[in-house]
N, C-alpha and C. Protein backbone atom coordinates (compact mmCIF):
# COMPACT_ATOMS: atom_id res chain seq x y z
N UNK A 1 -53.53 -34.10 -30.55
CA UNK A 1 -52.40 -33.38 -30.03
C UNK A 1 -52.89 -32.40 -28.98
N UNK A 2 -52.19 -32.36 -27.87
CA UNK A 2 -52.56 -31.43 -26.81
C UNK A 2 -52.01 -30.06 -27.14
N UNK A 3 -52.53 -29.08 -26.41
CA UNK A 3 -52.06 -27.71 -26.64
C UNK A 3 -50.56 -27.58 -26.35
N UNK A 4 -50.12 -28.30 -25.32
CA UNK A 4 -48.71 -28.21 -24.94
C UNK A 4 -47.82 -28.80 -26.02
N UNK A 5 -48.18 -29.98 -26.56
CA UNK A 5 -47.33 -30.58 -27.58
C UNK A 5 -47.39 -29.79 -28.87
N UNK A 6 -48.49 -29.12 -29.15
CA UNK A 6 -48.56 -28.28 -30.34
C UNK A 6 -47.61 -27.09 -30.19
N UNK A 7 -47.57 -26.54 -28.98
CA UNK A 7 -46.68 -25.41 -28.71
C UNK A 7 -45.22 -25.83 -28.84
N UNK A 8 -44.91 -27.02 -28.31
CA UNK A 8 -43.53 -27.52 -28.39
C UNK A 8 -43.13 -27.77 -29.83
N UNK A 9 -44.08 -28.20 -30.65
CA UNK A 9 -43.77 -28.46 -32.05
C UNK A 9 -43.49 -27.16 -32.80
N UNK A 10 -44.15 -26.08 -32.41
CA UNK A 10 -43.97 -24.80 -33.07
C UNK A 10 -42.71 -24.08 -32.58
N UNK A 11 -42.45 -24.13 -31.26
CA UNK A 11 -41.33 -23.39 -30.66
C UNK A 11 -40.28 -24.40 -30.18
N UNK A 12 -39.19 -24.55 -30.91
CA UNK A 12 -38.15 -25.49 -30.46
C UNK A 12 -37.43 -24.91 -29.24
N UNK A 13 -36.85 -25.79 -28.40
CA UNK A 13 -36.12 -25.28 -27.23
C UNK A 13 -34.92 -24.44 -27.68
N UNK A 14 -34.68 -23.35 -26.93
CA UNK A 14 -33.58 -22.45 -27.28
C UNK A 14 -32.29 -22.94 -26.63
N UNK A 15 -31.21 -22.89 -27.38
CA UNK A 15 -29.93 -23.29 -26.78
C UNK A 15 -29.48 -22.22 -25.78
N UNK A 16 -28.66 -22.65 -24.83
CA UNK A 16 -28.13 -21.71 -23.83
C UNK A 16 -27.22 -20.72 -24.56
N UNK A 17 -27.44 -19.46 -24.30
CA UNK A 17 -26.65 -18.41 -24.95
C UNK A 17 -25.49 -18.01 -24.03
N UNK A 18 -24.39 -18.74 -24.17
CA UNK A 18 -23.23 -18.52 -23.31
C UNK A 18 -22.64 -17.13 -23.47
N UNK A 19 -22.73 -16.57 -24.63
CA UNK A 19 -22.21 -15.22 -24.86
C UNK A 19 -22.93 -14.20 -24.00
N UNK A 20 -24.26 -14.31 -23.92
CA UNK A 20 -25.05 -13.38 -23.10
C UNK A 20 -24.71 -13.55 -21.62
N UNK A 21 -24.59 -14.81 -21.20
CA UNK A 21 -24.25 -15.07 -19.80
C UNK A 21 -22.87 -14.50 -19.47
N UNK A 22 -21.92 -14.70 -20.37
CA UNK A 22 -20.57 -14.17 -20.15
C UNK A 22 -20.57 -12.64 -20.05
N UNK A 23 -21.32 -11.98 -20.91
CA UNK A 23 -21.42 -10.52 -20.86
C UNK A 23 -21.97 -10.07 -19.52
N UNK A 24 -23.03 -10.72 -19.04
CA UNK A 24 -23.62 -10.34 -17.74
C UNK A 24 -22.63 -10.57 -16.59
N UNK A 25 -21.91 -11.68 -16.63
CA UNK A 25 -20.92 -11.95 -15.59
C UNK A 25 -19.84 -10.87 -15.60
N UNK A 26 -19.37 -10.49 -16.77
CA UNK A 26 -18.35 -9.44 -16.87
C UNK A 26 -18.88 -8.09 -16.39
N UNK A 27 -20.11 -7.75 -16.74
CA UNK A 27 -20.71 -6.49 -16.30
C UNK A 27 -20.84 -6.47 -14.79
N UNK A 28 -21.34 -7.56 -14.20
CA UNK A 28 -21.49 -7.61 -12.74
C UNK A 28 -20.12 -7.57 -12.05
N UNK A 29 -19.12 -8.24 -12.62
CA UNK A 29 -17.78 -8.18 -12.05
C UNK A 29 -17.20 -6.78 -12.09
N UNK A 30 -17.39 -6.10 -13.21
CA UNK A 30 -16.91 -4.72 -13.34
C UNK A 30 -17.60 -3.81 -12.34
N UNK A 31 -18.89 -3.97 -12.17
CA UNK A 31 -19.63 -3.16 -11.18
C UNK A 31 -19.12 -3.42 -9.77
N UNK A 32 -18.79 -4.67 -9.46
CA UNK A 32 -18.27 -4.99 -8.13
C UNK A 32 -16.92 -4.31 -7.91
N UNK A 33 -16.05 -4.35 -8.91
CA UNK A 33 -14.73 -3.72 -8.79
C UNK A 33 -14.87 -2.21 -8.61
N UNK A 34 -15.72 -1.59 -9.41
CA UNK A 34 -15.94 -0.14 -9.30
C UNK A 34 -16.52 0.19 -7.93
N UNK A 35 -17.46 -0.60 -7.47
CA UNK A 35 -18.07 -0.36 -6.16
C UNK A 35 -17.06 -0.44 -5.03
N UNK A 36 -16.20 -1.45 -5.07
CA UNK A 36 -15.17 -1.58 -4.04
C UNK A 36 -14.19 -0.41 -4.11
N UNK A 37 -13.87 0.03 -5.31
CA UNK A 37 -12.99 1.19 -5.46
C UNK A 37 -13.61 2.45 -4.87
N UNK A 38 -14.90 2.64 -5.10
CA UNK A 38 -15.59 3.80 -4.53
C UNK A 38 -15.63 3.74 -3.01
N UNK A 39 -15.86 2.57 -2.47
CA UNK A 39 -15.86 2.42 -1.01
C UNK A 39 -14.49 2.77 -0.46
N UNK A 40 -13.43 2.26 -1.11
CA UNK A 40 -12.07 2.54 -0.65
C UNK A 40 -11.76 4.03 -0.74
N UNK A 41 -12.22 4.68 -1.82
CA UNK A 41 -11.99 6.11 -1.99
C UNK A 41 -12.69 6.90 -0.89
N UNK A 42 -13.91 6.51 -0.57
CA UNK A 42 -14.65 7.21 0.48
C UNK A 42 -14.01 7.02 1.84
N UNK A 43 -13.39 5.86 2.06
CA UNK A 43 -12.72 5.63 3.34
C UNK A 43 -11.52 6.54 3.48
N UNK A 44 -10.83 6.82 2.39
CA UNK A 44 -9.64 7.67 2.44
C UNK A 44 -8.51 6.98 3.18
N UNK A 45 -7.42 7.69 3.28
CA UNK A 45 -6.26 7.17 4.00
C UNK A 45 -6.56 7.14 5.48
N UNK A 46 -5.84 6.29 6.20
CA UNK A 46 -5.99 6.33 7.64
C UNK A 46 -5.29 7.59 8.13
N UNK A 47 -5.82 8.19 9.17
CA UNK A 47 -5.33 9.50 9.58
C UNK A 47 -4.59 9.51 10.90
N UNK A 48 -4.06 10.66 11.20
CA UNK A 48 -3.34 10.89 12.45
C UNK A 48 -4.26 10.53 13.62
N UNK A 49 -3.70 9.81 14.58
CA UNK A 49 -4.45 9.40 15.76
C UNK A 49 -5.01 7.99 15.66
N UNK A 50 -5.12 7.47 14.45
CA UNK A 50 -5.62 6.10 14.27
C UNK A 50 -4.53 5.10 14.66
N UNK A 51 -4.95 3.94 15.12
CA UNK A 51 -3.99 2.88 15.42
C UNK A 51 -3.38 2.42 14.11
N UNK A 52 -2.06 2.32 14.10
CA UNK A 52 -1.36 1.89 12.88
C UNK A 52 -1.65 0.42 12.62
N UNK A 53 -1.83 0.06 11.35
CA UNK A 53 -2.04 -1.34 11.02
C UNK A 53 -0.85 -2.20 11.46
N UNK A 54 -1.15 -3.39 11.92
CA UNK A 54 -0.10 -4.34 12.28
C UNK A 54 0.26 -5.12 11.02
N UNK A 55 1.53 -5.25 10.74
CA UNK A 55 1.95 -5.99 9.55
C UNK A 55 3.33 -6.57 9.74
N UNK A 56 3.63 -7.53 8.90
CA UNK A 56 4.97 -8.10 8.83
C UNK A 56 5.52 -7.81 7.44
N UNK A 57 6.76 -7.38 7.41
CA UNK A 57 7.43 -7.07 6.15
C UNK A 57 8.62 -8.00 6.00
N UNK A 58 8.62 -8.81 4.95
CA UNK A 58 9.78 -9.63 4.64
C UNK A 58 10.69 -8.78 3.76
N UNK A 59 11.88 -8.51 4.26
CA UNK A 59 12.79 -7.60 3.56
C UNK A 59 13.42 -8.28 2.35
N UNK A 60 14.02 -7.48 1.51
CA UNK A 60 14.72 -8.02 0.34
C UNK A 60 15.88 -8.92 0.74
N UNK A 61 16.41 -8.74 1.95
CA UNK A 61 17.50 -9.60 2.42
C UNK A 61 16.99 -10.88 3.06
N UNK A 62 15.66 -11.01 3.20
CA UNK A 62 15.07 -12.25 3.71
C UNK A 62 14.68 -12.23 5.17
N UNK A 63 15.00 -11.18 5.90
CA UNK A 63 14.58 -11.11 7.30
C UNK A 63 13.14 -10.60 7.38
N UNK A 64 12.53 -10.76 8.54
CA UNK A 64 11.15 -10.32 8.74
C UNK A 64 11.11 -9.24 9.80
N UNK A 65 10.43 -8.15 9.49
CA UNK A 65 10.22 -7.07 10.46
C UNK A 65 8.73 -7.10 10.80
N UNK A 66 8.45 -7.20 12.10
CA UNK A 66 7.06 -7.27 12.57
C UNK A 66 6.76 -6.00 13.36
N UNK A 67 5.73 -5.28 12.94
CA UNK A 67 5.36 -4.04 13.65
C UNK A 67 5.09 -4.31 15.13
N UNK A 68 4.57 -5.48 15.45
CA UNK A 68 4.27 -5.81 16.84
C UNK A 68 5.54 -5.82 17.70
N UNK A 69 6.68 -6.08 17.08
CA UNK A 69 7.95 -6.10 17.82
C UNK A 69 8.57 -4.72 17.97
N UNK A 70 7.97 -3.71 17.34
CA UNK A 70 8.55 -2.36 17.36
C UNK A 70 7.83 -1.43 18.33
N UNK A 71 7.00 -1.98 19.19
CA UNK A 71 6.29 -1.16 20.17
C UNK A 71 7.25 -0.33 21.00
N UNK A 72 6.88 0.90 21.27
CA UNK A 72 7.72 1.80 22.05
C UNK A 72 8.73 2.56 21.21
N UNK A 73 8.77 2.28 19.92
CA UNK A 73 9.68 3.01 19.02
C UNK A 73 8.85 3.84 18.05
N UNK A 74 9.47 4.88 17.54
CA UNK A 74 8.86 5.65 16.45
C UNK A 74 9.24 4.92 15.17
N UNK A 75 8.25 4.67 14.31
CA UNK A 75 8.48 3.93 13.07
C UNK A 75 8.04 4.78 11.89
N UNK A 76 8.96 5.00 10.95
CA UNK A 76 8.67 5.73 9.73
C UNK A 76 8.45 4.70 8.63
N UNK A 77 7.21 4.62 8.11
CA UNK A 77 6.86 3.66 7.07
C UNK A 77 6.68 4.44 5.76
N UNK A 78 7.58 4.19 4.82
CA UNK A 78 7.55 4.90 3.54
C UNK A 78 7.18 3.94 2.41
N UNK A 79 6.10 4.26 1.69
CA UNK A 79 5.69 3.50 0.52
C UNK A 79 6.32 4.14 -0.71
N UNK A 80 6.98 3.35 -1.54
CA UNK A 80 7.72 3.87 -2.69
C UNK A 80 7.72 2.85 -3.82
N UNK A 81 8.18 3.26 -4.98
CA UNK A 81 8.36 2.37 -6.13
C UNK A 81 9.52 2.89 -6.97
N UNK A 82 10.20 1.99 -7.64
CA UNK A 82 11.36 2.39 -8.46
C UNK A 82 10.95 3.24 -9.65
N UNK A 83 9.72 3.10 -10.12
CA UNK A 83 9.24 3.85 -11.28
C UNK A 83 8.66 5.22 -10.89
N UNK A 84 8.67 5.53 -9.62
CA UNK A 84 8.04 6.75 -9.09
C UNK A 84 9.07 7.89 -9.03
N UNK A 85 8.91 8.89 -9.87
CA UNK A 85 9.83 10.03 -9.90
C UNK A 85 9.79 10.82 -8.59
N UNK A 86 8.61 11.14 -8.02
CA UNK A 86 8.60 11.85 -6.74
C UNK A 86 9.29 11.05 -5.62
N UNK A 87 9.26 9.71 -5.70
CA UNK A 87 9.95 8.90 -4.70
C UNK A 87 11.46 9.16 -4.75
N UNK A 88 11.97 9.32 -5.96
CA UNK A 88 13.40 9.60 -6.13
C UNK A 88 13.77 10.93 -5.48
N UNK A 89 12.86 11.89 -5.51
CA UNK A 89 13.13 13.22 -4.98
C UNK A 89 13.35 13.20 -3.47
N UNK A 90 12.76 12.22 -2.77
CA UNK A 90 12.89 12.18 -1.31
C UNK A 90 13.80 11.06 -0.81
N UNK A 91 14.28 10.21 -1.70
CA UNK A 91 15.03 9.02 -1.30
C UNK A 91 16.28 9.34 -0.49
N UNK A 92 17.09 10.26 -0.96
CA UNK A 92 18.34 10.60 -0.27
C UNK A 92 18.04 11.24 1.09
N UNK A 93 17.03 12.11 1.15
CA UNK A 93 16.68 12.76 2.41
C UNK A 93 16.17 11.74 3.44
N UNK A 94 15.40 10.75 2.99
CA UNK A 94 14.93 9.71 3.92
C UNK A 94 16.11 8.91 4.47
N UNK A 95 17.07 8.57 3.63
CA UNK A 95 18.25 7.84 4.10
C UNK A 95 19.06 8.70 5.07
N UNK A 96 19.21 9.98 4.78
CA UNK A 96 19.93 10.89 5.68
C UNK A 96 19.22 10.97 7.03
N UNK A 97 17.90 11.08 7.01
CA UNK A 97 17.13 11.12 8.26
C UNK A 97 17.28 9.80 9.02
N UNK A 98 17.27 8.69 8.31
CA UNK A 98 17.48 7.39 8.95
C UNK A 98 18.81 7.37 9.68
N UNK A 99 19.87 7.82 9.03
CA UNK A 99 21.19 7.85 9.67
C UNK A 99 21.19 8.75 10.90
N UNK A 100 20.47 9.85 10.82
CA UNK A 100 20.42 10.81 11.92
C UNK A 100 19.64 10.26 13.12
N UNK A 101 18.55 9.54 12.88
CA UNK A 101 17.65 9.14 13.96
C UNK A 101 17.78 7.68 14.41
N UNK A 102 18.55 6.86 13.72
CA UNK A 102 18.56 5.42 14.02
C UNK A 102 19.03 5.10 15.43
N UNK A 103 19.87 5.93 16.02
CA UNK A 103 20.35 5.69 17.39
C UNK A 103 19.45 6.32 18.44
N UNK A 104 18.32 6.89 18.01
CA UNK A 104 17.39 7.54 18.93
C UNK A 104 16.06 6.77 19.04
N UNK A 105 16.07 5.50 18.68
CA UNK A 105 14.86 4.70 18.79
C UNK A 105 13.87 4.91 17.66
N UNK A 106 14.35 5.38 16.52
CA UNK A 106 13.48 5.58 15.36
C UNK A 106 13.84 4.54 14.30
N UNK A 107 12.83 3.82 13.83
CA UNK A 107 13.03 2.78 12.82
C UNK A 107 12.43 3.25 11.50
N UNK A 108 13.19 3.12 10.43
CA UNK A 108 12.69 3.44 9.09
C UNK A 108 12.43 2.12 8.37
N UNK A 109 11.27 2.03 7.73
CA UNK A 109 10.91 0.87 6.92
C UNK A 109 10.44 1.35 5.55
N UNK A 110 10.97 0.75 4.51
CA UNK A 110 10.52 1.05 3.16
C UNK A 110 9.64 -0.09 2.66
N UNK A 111 8.48 0.26 2.13
CA UNK A 111 7.56 -0.73 1.58
C UNK A 111 7.49 -0.49 0.08
N UNK A 112 8.05 -1.41 -0.68
CA UNK A 112 8.11 -1.29 -2.13
C UNK A 112 6.77 -1.72 -2.73
N UNK A 113 6.17 -0.81 -3.49
CA UNK A 113 4.80 -0.99 -3.99
C UNK A 113 4.79 -1.32 -5.48
N UNK A 114 4.19 -2.44 -5.84
CA UNK A 114 3.95 -2.85 -7.23
C UNK A 114 5.19 -2.63 -8.10
N UNK A 115 6.18 -3.46 -7.88
CA UNK A 115 7.47 -3.29 -8.52
C UNK A 115 8.09 -4.65 -8.78
N UNK A 116 9.15 -4.69 -9.55
CA UNK A 116 9.92 -5.92 -9.70
C UNK A 116 11.08 -5.86 -8.71
N UNK A 117 11.50 -7.03 -8.25
CA UNK A 117 12.57 -7.06 -7.27
C UNK A 117 13.87 -6.48 -7.84
N UNK A 118 14.18 -6.79 -9.07
CA UNK A 118 15.44 -6.29 -9.65
C UNK A 118 15.43 -4.77 -9.75
N UNK A 119 14.33 -4.19 -10.17
CA UNK A 119 14.23 -2.72 -10.26
C UNK A 119 14.28 -2.09 -8.86
N UNK A 120 13.62 -2.72 -7.90
CA UNK A 120 13.61 -2.19 -6.53
C UNK A 120 15.02 -2.21 -5.94
N UNK A 121 15.72 -3.32 -6.12
CA UNK A 121 17.09 -3.42 -5.59
C UNK A 121 18.02 -2.42 -6.26
N UNK A 122 17.85 -2.21 -7.55
CA UNK A 122 18.66 -1.21 -8.26
C UNK A 122 18.38 0.19 -7.71
N UNK A 123 17.13 0.48 -7.41
CA UNK A 123 16.74 1.77 -6.83
C UNK A 123 17.42 1.96 -5.48
N UNK A 124 17.34 0.95 -4.61
CA UNK A 124 17.96 1.04 -3.28
C UNK A 124 19.46 1.27 -3.40
N UNK A 125 20.09 0.59 -4.33
CA UNK A 125 21.52 0.74 -4.55
C UNK A 125 21.85 2.13 -5.09
N UNK A 126 21.07 2.59 -6.05
CA UNK A 126 21.32 3.90 -6.68
C UNK A 126 21.27 5.03 -5.65
N UNK A 127 20.36 4.93 -4.68
CA UNK A 127 20.22 6.01 -3.69
C UNK A 127 20.91 5.70 -2.36
N UNK A 128 21.61 4.57 -2.28
CA UNK A 128 22.36 4.24 -1.07
C UNK A 128 21.49 4.01 0.15
N UNK A 129 20.32 3.45 -0.04
CA UNK A 129 19.37 3.26 1.06
C UNK A 129 19.76 2.01 1.85
N UNK A 130 19.94 2.18 3.17
CA UNK A 130 20.39 1.09 4.03
C UNK A 130 19.34 0.59 5.01
N UNK A 131 18.28 1.34 5.23
CA UNK A 131 17.26 0.87 6.17
C UNK A 131 16.45 -0.26 5.53
N UNK A 132 15.76 -1.04 6.38
CA UNK A 132 15.03 -2.21 5.91
C UNK A 132 13.97 -1.84 4.88
N UNK A 133 13.95 -2.59 3.80
CA UNK A 133 12.98 -2.42 2.72
C UNK A 133 12.54 -3.79 2.25
N UNK A 134 11.29 -3.88 1.85
CA UNK A 134 10.78 -5.13 1.31
C UNK A 134 9.58 -4.90 0.43
N UNK A 135 9.24 -5.91 -0.36
CA UNK A 135 8.10 -5.78 -1.27
C UNK A 135 6.78 -5.93 -0.54
N UNK A 136 5.78 -5.24 -1.02
CA UNK A 136 4.42 -5.36 -0.48
C UNK A 136 3.72 -6.48 -1.25
N UNK A 137 4.03 -7.71 -0.89
CA UNK A 137 3.50 -8.86 -1.60
C UNK A 137 1.98 -8.91 -1.49
N UNK A 138 1.32 -8.94 -2.63
CA UNK A 138 -0.14 -8.96 -2.65
C UNK A 138 -0.76 -7.64 -2.22
N UNK A 139 0.02 -6.60 -2.11
CA UNK A 139 -0.40 -5.25 -1.67
C UNK A 139 -1.15 -5.27 -0.34
N UNK A 140 -0.84 -6.25 0.51
CA UNK A 140 -1.52 -6.35 1.82
C UNK A 140 -1.25 -5.13 2.70
N UNK A 141 0.00 -4.70 2.73
CA UNK A 141 0.36 -3.59 3.63
C UNK A 141 -0.24 -2.29 3.12
N UNK A 142 -0.11 -2.03 1.83
CA UNK A 142 -0.67 -0.79 1.27
C UNK A 142 -2.19 -0.76 1.42
N UNK A 143 -2.84 -1.90 1.32
CA UNK A 143 -4.29 -1.94 1.53
C UNK A 143 -4.64 -1.64 2.99
N UNK A 144 -3.83 -2.15 3.91
CA UNK A 144 -4.08 -1.89 5.33
C UNK A 144 -3.95 -0.40 5.65
N UNK A 145 -3.01 0.28 4.98
CA UNK A 145 -2.83 1.72 5.17
C UNK A 145 -3.74 2.53 4.25
N UNK A 146 -4.41 1.85 3.33
CA UNK A 146 -5.32 2.47 2.36
C UNK A 146 -4.61 3.56 1.54
N UNK A 147 -3.40 3.24 1.09
CA UNK A 147 -2.68 4.24 0.29
C UNK A 147 -3.36 4.41 -1.06
N UNK A 148 -3.15 5.56 -1.64
CA UNK A 148 -3.71 5.86 -2.96
C UNK A 148 -2.65 5.96 -4.03
N UNK A 149 -1.40 6.03 -3.62
CA UNK A 149 -0.30 6.15 -4.57
C UNK A 149 1.01 6.21 -3.82
N UNK A 150 2.06 6.45 -4.55
CA UNK A 150 3.38 6.59 -3.93
C UNK A 150 4.00 7.90 -4.40
N UNK A 151 4.81 8.52 -3.57
CA UNK A 151 5.16 8.12 -2.21
C UNK A 151 4.12 8.55 -1.18
N UNK A 152 4.02 7.76 -0.16
CA UNK A 152 3.25 8.11 1.03
C UNK A 152 4.06 7.64 2.23
N UNK A 153 4.07 8.45 3.28
CA UNK A 153 4.85 8.13 4.47
C UNK A 153 3.97 8.28 5.71
N UNK A 154 4.06 7.29 6.58
CA UNK A 154 3.29 7.26 7.83
C UNK A 154 4.28 7.13 8.97
N UNK A 155 4.19 8.04 9.94
CA UNK A 155 5.06 7.94 11.11
C UNK A 155 4.21 7.48 12.28
N UNK A 156 4.61 6.33 12.82
CA UNK A 156 3.89 5.71 13.93
C UNK A 156 4.59 6.12 15.22
N UNK A 157 3.83 6.68 16.16
CA UNK A 157 4.40 7.09 17.43
C UNK A 157 4.68 5.90 18.34
N UNK A 158 5.33 6.19 19.45
CA UNK A 158 5.70 5.13 20.40
C UNK A 158 4.48 4.39 20.93
N UNK A 159 3.31 5.04 20.89
CA UNK A 159 2.07 4.42 21.40
C UNK A 159 1.36 3.56 20.35
N UNK A 160 1.94 3.44 19.15
CA UNK A 160 1.33 2.62 18.11
C UNK A 160 0.29 3.33 17.27
N UNK A 161 0.12 4.64 17.51
CA UNK A 161 -0.85 5.41 16.73
C UNK A 161 -0.11 6.29 15.71
N UNK A 162 -0.81 6.61 14.64
CA UNK A 162 -0.20 7.45 13.62
C UNK A 162 -0.01 8.86 14.16
N UNK A 163 1.23 9.31 14.12
CA UNK A 163 1.56 10.64 14.60
C UNK A 163 1.68 11.64 13.45
N UNK A 164 1.92 11.12 12.24
CA UNK A 164 2.13 12.00 11.08
C UNK A 164 1.84 11.22 9.81
N UNK A 165 1.18 11.87 8.87
CA UNK A 165 0.90 11.27 7.56
C UNK A 165 1.33 12.27 6.49
N UNK A 166 2.12 11.80 5.53
CA UNK A 166 2.56 12.64 4.42
C UNK A 166 2.17 11.96 3.11
N UNK A 167 1.27 12.60 2.38
CA UNK A 167 0.88 12.12 1.06
C UNK A 167 1.72 12.89 0.05
N UNK A 168 2.48 12.18 -0.76
CA UNK A 168 3.39 12.84 -1.69
C UNK A 168 4.78 12.90 -1.09
N UNK A 169 5.73 13.44 -1.85
CA UNK A 169 7.12 13.44 -1.40
C UNK A 169 7.41 14.53 -0.37
N UNK A 170 8.35 14.22 0.51
CA UNK A 170 8.89 15.27 1.38
C UNK A 170 9.70 16.21 0.50
N UNK A 171 9.60 17.49 0.79
CA UNK A 171 10.29 18.49 -0.03
C UNK A 171 11.73 18.72 0.42
N UNK A 172 12.02 18.36 1.69
CA UNK A 172 13.37 18.63 2.20
C UNK A 172 13.66 17.74 3.40
N UNK A 173 14.94 17.66 3.75
CA UNK A 173 15.35 16.94 4.94
C UNK A 173 14.74 17.58 6.18
N UNK A 174 14.69 18.90 6.22
CA UNK A 174 14.15 19.57 7.41
C UNK A 174 12.67 19.23 7.62
N UNK A 175 11.93 19.02 6.54
CA UNK A 175 10.52 18.63 6.68
C UNK A 175 10.42 17.25 7.34
N UNK A 176 11.29 16.33 6.95
CA UNK A 176 11.31 15.00 7.57
C UNK A 176 11.73 15.10 9.03
N UNK A 177 12.78 15.87 9.30
CA UNK A 177 13.27 16.03 10.66
C UNK A 177 12.19 16.61 11.57
N UNK A 178 11.47 17.60 11.09
CA UNK A 178 10.40 18.21 11.88
C UNK A 178 9.33 17.18 12.21
N UNK A 179 8.93 16.39 11.23
CA UNK A 179 7.89 15.38 11.45
C UNK A 179 8.35 14.30 12.43
N UNK A 180 9.58 13.83 12.28
CA UNK A 180 10.09 12.79 13.18
C UNK A 180 10.26 13.34 14.59
N UNK A 181 10.83 14.53 14.71
CA UNK A 181 11.01 15.13 16.05
C UNK A 181 9.67 15.31 16.76
N UNK A 182 8.66 15.79 16.04
CA UNK A 182 7.34 15.97 16.65
C UNK A 182 6.77 14.62 17.08
N UNK A 183 7.00 13.59 16.29
CA UNK A 183 6.49 12.25 16.62
C UNK A 183 7.21 11.68 17.83
N UNK A 184 8.47 12.02 18.01
CA UNK A 184 9.23 11.54 19.16
C UNK A 184 8.76 12.19 20.46
N UNK A 185 8.22 13.39 20.35
CA UNK A 185 7.79 14.12 21.54
C UNK A 185 6.42 13.69 22.03
N UNK A 186 5.65 13.03 21.18
CA UNK A 186 4.28 12.63 21.57
C UNK A 186 4.29 11.45 22.49
């Protein structure tokens, strides 16, 4: 008997330990998710002066709004959710501002974040919101804006750059009016 065959006779081949492999795959996957989250956190939200992300929003009524088609207009992009209490605090004021500014070349868009369609539609009905709103399917739009939560509002100037960023709810109609008016003047 050779040394190799003696060794094989003493030490049988070990079966593949799928449990250990699965644990390592899960650990590496978790580390990747945490790492991507940290990178996103370090990037922060996009800020004033940055070019606004280009996106298409399919509204709850089925039409499509394309940011590329809104060049030369001031666009108010509000991220919200039906389960968000602070979103409720600003909903009526945003609709009032929309009514005030819609004939002055200002477009309001609502981007519904991580919600069900039925709850979102009930929210829009409850607050009488008439400006275009649609779901952020796959969170593509919120990822492009690098939002961290809702509500967040981004006002895009006529030049396609962010003129105003509001993290959290607007406290009053006058705060919205001031932000929109300043964005119209740029």
